[in-house]
C-alpha atoms as a PDB file:
ATOM      1  CA  MET A   1      88.674  67.089  95.312  1.00  0.00           C
ATOM      2  CA  LYS A   2      87.880  64.944  98.050  1.00  0.00           C
ATOM      3  CA  VAL A   3      86.283  64.765 101.593  1.00  0.00           C
ATOM      4  CA  ALA A   4      89.435  64.069 103.147  1.00  0.00           C
ATOM      5  CA  ASP A   5      90.728  67.200 101.639  1.00  0.00           C
ATOM      6  CA  VAL A   6      88.244  69.439 103.807  1.00  0.00           C
ATOM      7  CA  MET A   7      87.358  67.382 106.550  1.00  0.00           C
ATOM      8  CA  THR A   8      87.930  68.065 109.997  1.00  0.00           C
ATOM      9  CA  GLU A   9      90.091  65.345 111.492  1.00  0.00           C
ATOM     10  CA  ASN A  10      89.751  63.546 114.263  1.00  0.00           C
ATOM     11  CA  PRO A  11      87.004  65.431 116.047  1.00  0.00           C
ATOM     12  CA  SER A  12      85.621  65.864 119.695  1.00  0.00           C
ATOM     13  CA  THR A  13      83.183  62.970 120.345  1.00  0.00           C
ATOM     14  CA  ILE A  14      81.030  61.471 122.878  1.00  0.00           C
ATOM     15  CA  GLU A  15      79.591  58.308 124.014  1.00  0.00           C
ATOM     16  CA  PRO A  16      76.309  56.919 124.048  1.00  0.00           C
ATOM     17  CA  ASN A  17      76.277  56.783 127.932  1.00  0.00           C
ATOM     18  CA  ASP A  18      77.466  60.290 128.559  1.00  0.00           C
ATOM     19  CA  THR A  19      74.863  62.869 129.183  1.00  0.00           C
ATOM     20  CA  ILE A  20      73.542  65.776 127.128  1.00  0.00           C
ATOM     21  CA  GLY A  21      74.819  67.888 129.913  1.00  0.00           C
ATOM     22  CA  GLN A  22      78.305  66.854 128.930  1.00  0.00           C
ATOM     23  CA  ALA A  23      77.761  67.092 125.177  1.00  0.00           C
ATOM     24  CA  ASP A  24      76.219  70.541 125.751  1.00  0.00           C
ATOM     25  CA  GLU A  25      79.694  71.518 127.620  1.00  0.00           C
ATOM     26  CA  ILE A  26      82.051  70.067 125.138  1.00  0.00           C
ATOM     27  CA  MET A  27      79.775  72.097 122.329  1.00  0.00           C
ATOM     28  CA  ASN A  28      80.072  75.192 123.991  1.00  0.00           C
ATOM     29  CA  GLN A  29      83.725  74.966 124.951  1.00  0.00           C
ATOM     30  CA  GLU A  30      84.758  73.832 121.363  1.00  0.00           C
ATOM     31  CA  ASP A  31      82.267  76.142 119.860  1.00  0.00           C
ATOM     32  CA  ILE A  32      80.565  73.632 117.552  1.00  0.00           C
ATOM     33  CA  ARG A  33      77.169  72.334 116.881  1.00  0.00           C
ATOM     34  CA  GLN A  34      77.790  68.395 116.114  1.00  0.00           C
ATOM     35  CA  LEU A  35      79.085  65.756 118.013  1.00  0.00           C
ATOM     36  CA  PRO A  36      79.686  62.191 116.577  1.00  0.00           C
ATOM     37  CA  VAL A  37      78.761  59.777 119.052  1.00  0.00           C
ATOM     38  CA  VAL A  38      81.147  56.666 119.246  1.00  0.00           C
ATOM     39  CA  GLU A  39      81.490  53.544 121.299  1.00  0.00           C
ATOM     40  CA  GLY A  40      85.171  52.953 120.920  1.00  0.00           C
ATOM     41  CA  THR A  41      85.712  54.222 117.322  1.00  0.00           C
ATOM     42  CA  GLU A  42      82.788  52.803 115.794  1.00  0.00           C
ATOM     43  CA  LEU A  43      80.507  55.622 115.351  1.00  0.00           C
ATOM     44  CA  VAL A  44      76.561  54.996 116.403  1.00  0.00           C
ATOM     45  CA  GLY A  45      74.724  58.163 116.510  1.00  0.00           C
ATOM     46  CA  ILE A  46      75.244  61.710 116.482  1.00  0.00           C
ATOM     47  CA  ILE A  47      73.993  64.514 118.937  1.00  0.00           C
ATOM     48  CA  THR A  48      73.112  68.061 117.757  1.00  0.00           C
ATOM     49  CA  ASP A  49      73.049  71.635 119.803  1.00  0.00           C
ATOM     50  CA  ARG A  50      69.641  71.676 117.666  1.00  0.00           C
ATOM     51  CA  ASP A  51      68.945  67.984 119.338  1.00  0.00           C
ATOM     52  CA  ILE A  52      69.559  69.387 122.807  1.00  0.00           C
ATOM     53  CA  ARG A  53      67.784  72.371 122.486  1.00  0.00           C
ATOM     54  CA  SER A  54      64.456  70.559 121.183  1.00  0.00           C
ATOM     55  CA  PHE A  55      64.718  68.208 124.100  1.00  0.00           C
ATOM     56  CA  LEU A  56      64.952  70.651 126.562  1.00  0.00           C
ATOM     57  CA  SER A  57      62.510  72.918 125.112  1.00  0.00           C
ATOM     58  CA  GLY A  58      59.729  70.493 125.512  1.00  0.00           C
ATOM     59  CA  ARG A  59      60.265  70.547 129.753  1.00  0.00           C
ATOM     60  CA  LEU A  60      59.111  72.512 132.211  1.00  0.00           C
ATOM     61  CA  PHE A  61      61.486  73.403 135.157  1.00  0.00           C
ATOM     62  CA  GLY A  62      59.807  74.468 138.340  1.00  0.00           C
ATOM     63  CA  THR A  63      63.044  73.881 140.126  1.00  0.00           C
ATOM     64  CA  PRO A  64      66.527  73.459 139.502  1.00  0.00           C
ATOM     65  CA  GLU A  65      66.596  69.590 140.489  1.00  0.00           C
ATOM     66  CA  GLU A  66      64.452  69.133 137.188  1.00  0.00           C
ATOM     67  CA  ARG A  67      66.455  70.964 134.908  1.00  0.00           C
ATOM     68  CA  GLU A  68      69.688  68.771 136.138  1.00  0.00           C
ATOM     69  CA  LYS A  69      67.796  65.636 135.891  1.00  0.00           C
ATOM     70  CA  ALA A  70      66.988  66.383 132.299  1.00  0.00           C
ATOM     71  CA  MET A  71      70.777  67.686 131.523  1.00  0.00           C
ATOM     72  CA  ASN A  72      71.531  63.880 133.074  1.00  0.00           C
ATOM     73  CA  THR A  73      69.771  62.063 130.372  1.00  0.00           C
ATOM     74  CA  LYS A  74      71.543  59.824 128.522  1.00  0.00           C
ATOM     75  CA  VAL A  75      73.017  61.070 124.755  1.00  0.00           C
ATOM     76  CA  ALA A  76      71.718  57.603 123.376  1.00  0.00           C
ATOM     77  CA  SER A  77      67.788  58.724 124.285  1.00  0.00           C
ATOM     78  CA  VAL A  78      68.472  62.111 122.121  1.00  0.00           C
ATOM     79  CA  MET A  79      71.043  61.626 119.404  1.00  0.00           C
ATOM     80  CA  THR A  80      70.501  60.349 115.802  1.00  0.00           C
ATOM     81  CA  SER A  81      70.874  56.567 115.423  1.00  0.00           C
ATOM     82  CA  LYS A  82      73.121  55.502 112.471  1.00  0.00           C
ATOM     83  CA  PRO A  83      73.499  58.934 110.981  1.00  0.00           C
ATOM     84  CA  VAL A  84      74.438  59.198 107.488  1.00  0.00           C
ATOM     85  CA  SER A  85      77.835  59.451 106.901  1.00  0.00           C
ATOM     86  CA  LEU A  86      80.830  59.681 104.021  1.00  0.00           C
ATOM     87  CA  SER A  87      84.213  57.925 103.476  1.00  0.00           C
ATOM     88  CA  PRO A  88      87.038  60.491 102.879  1.00  0.00           C
ATOM     89  CA  ASP A  89      87.484  58.948  99.176  1.00  0.00           C
ATOM     90  CA  ASP A  90      84.223  60.643  98.616  1.00  0.00           C
ATOM     91  CA  GLU A  91      84.175  63.343  96.384  1.00  0.00           C
ATOM     92  CA  LEU A  92      83.340  66.856  98.026  1.00  0.00           C
ATOM     93  CA  ARG A  93      80.773  67.471  95.357  1.00  0.00           C
ATOM     94  CA  ASP A  94      78.670  64.871  96.959  1.00  0.00           C
ATOM     95  CA  ALA A  95      79.221  65.877 100.647  1.00  0.00           C
ATOM     96  CA  LEU A  96      78.142  69.513  99.306  1.00  0.00           C
ATOM     97  CA  GLU A  97      75.042  67.844  97.998  1.00  0.00           C
ATOM     98  CA  LEU A  98      74.264  65.318 101.185  1.00  0.00           C
ATOM     99  CA  LEU A  99      74.574  68.373 103.438  1.00  0.00           C
ATOM    100  CA  ILE A 100      72.162  70.261 101.190  1.00  0.00           C
ATOM    101  CA  GLU A 101      69.435  67.298 100.938  1.00  0.00           C
ATOM    102  CA  GLU A 102      69.667  66.183 104.364  1.00  0.00           C
ATOM    103  CA  LYS A 103      69.799  69.692 105.594  1.00  0.00           C
ATOM    104  CA  VAL A 104      72.203  69.172 108.287  1.00  0.00           C
ATOM    105  CA  GLY A 105      75.381  71.082 109.662  1.00  0.00           C
ATOM    106  CA  GLY A 106      77.558  68.104 109.418  1.00  0.00           C
ATOM    107  CA  ILE A 107      78.254  64.646 108.456  1.00  0.00           C
ATOM    108  CA  PRO A 108      80.501  62.147 110.260  1.00  0.00           C
ATOM    109  CA  VAL A 109      83.370  60.454 107.906  1.00  0.00           C
ATOM    110  CA  VAL A 110      84.048  56.837 108.592  1.00  0.00           C
ATOM    111  CA  ASP A 111      86.591  54.390 106.785  1.00  0.00           C
ATOM    112  CA  GLU A 112      85.846  50.978 105.667  1.00  0.00           C
ATOM    113  CA  GLU A 113      85.558  49.594 108.900  1.00  0.00           C
ATOM    114  CA  GLU A 114      82.941  52.171 110.271  1.00  0.00           C
ATOM    115  CA  ARG A 115      85.500  53.773 112.612  1.00  0.00           C
ATOM    116  CA  LEU A 116      85.322  57.889 112.822  1.00  0.00           C
ATOM    117  CA  VAL A 117      87.961  59.624 111.356  1.00  0.00           C
ATOM    118  CA  GLY A 118      86.555  63.036 110.726  1.00  0.00           C
ATOM    119  CA  ILE A 119      83.197  65.089 110.071  1.00  0.00           C
ATOM    120  CA  ILE A 120      82.666  67.519 107.405  1.00  0.00           C
ATOM    121  CA  THR A 121      80.391  70.202 108.448  1.00  0.00           C
ATOM    122  CA  TYR A 122      79.078  73.545 106.171  1.00  0.00           C
ATOM    123  CA  VAL A 123      81.642  75.349 107.857  1.00  0.00           C
ATOM    124  CA  ASP A 124      84.483  73.238 106.460  1.00  0.00           C
ATOM    125  CA  MET A 125      82.708  73.937 103.207  1.00  0.00           C
ATOM    126  CA  LEU A 126      82.251  77.763 103.446  1.00  0.00           C
ATOM    127  CA  ARG A 127      85.935  77.794 104.578  1.00  0.00           C
ATOM    128  CA  HIS A 128      87.231  75.837 101.902  1.00  0.00           C
ATOM    129  CA  PHE A 129      85.131  77.988  99.001  1.00  0.00           C
ATOM    130  CA  LEU A 130      86.162  81.501 100.581  1.00  0.00           C
ATOM    131  CA  GLU A 131      89.999  80.112 100.825  1.00  0.00           C
ATOM    132  CA  ARG A 132      89.512  79.177  96.663  1.00  0.00           C
ATOM    133  CA  TRP A 133      87.857  82.431  95.983  1.00  0.00           C
ATOM    134  CA  GLN A 134      90.534  84.733  97.885  1.00  0.00           C
ATOM    135  CA  GLY A 135      93.342  82.808  96.123  1.00  0.00           C
ATOM    136  CA  GLU A 136      92.166  83.444  92.730  1.00  0.00           C
END
């Protein structure tokens, strides 16, 4: 089985110059934890809910303005640049091993030109295995 068989196609994305407030809003609205960062269609990074929590937890907010300033921080300064990625043609087993090895919740899926085509998350994997288990 291939990554393409299980991945979420055309995931929501954000750009490096967008704010972490915008990223947080997208993740909350869509109930997701990882957001690929793209310039055009090229994958340049990934930002997670954990990245945002970690960034915000290191700050003391004495005023609402200070929190707003932090939320206006550019995604580029918080994201993981050049994240590990997979190809749609990679084996599903390799994706699972990479999720475990890297201790990440999701891995962007790119084509041969480094264009984002999907994301595979641990939830995608669990859903796939549950469906197979229920089909037995």
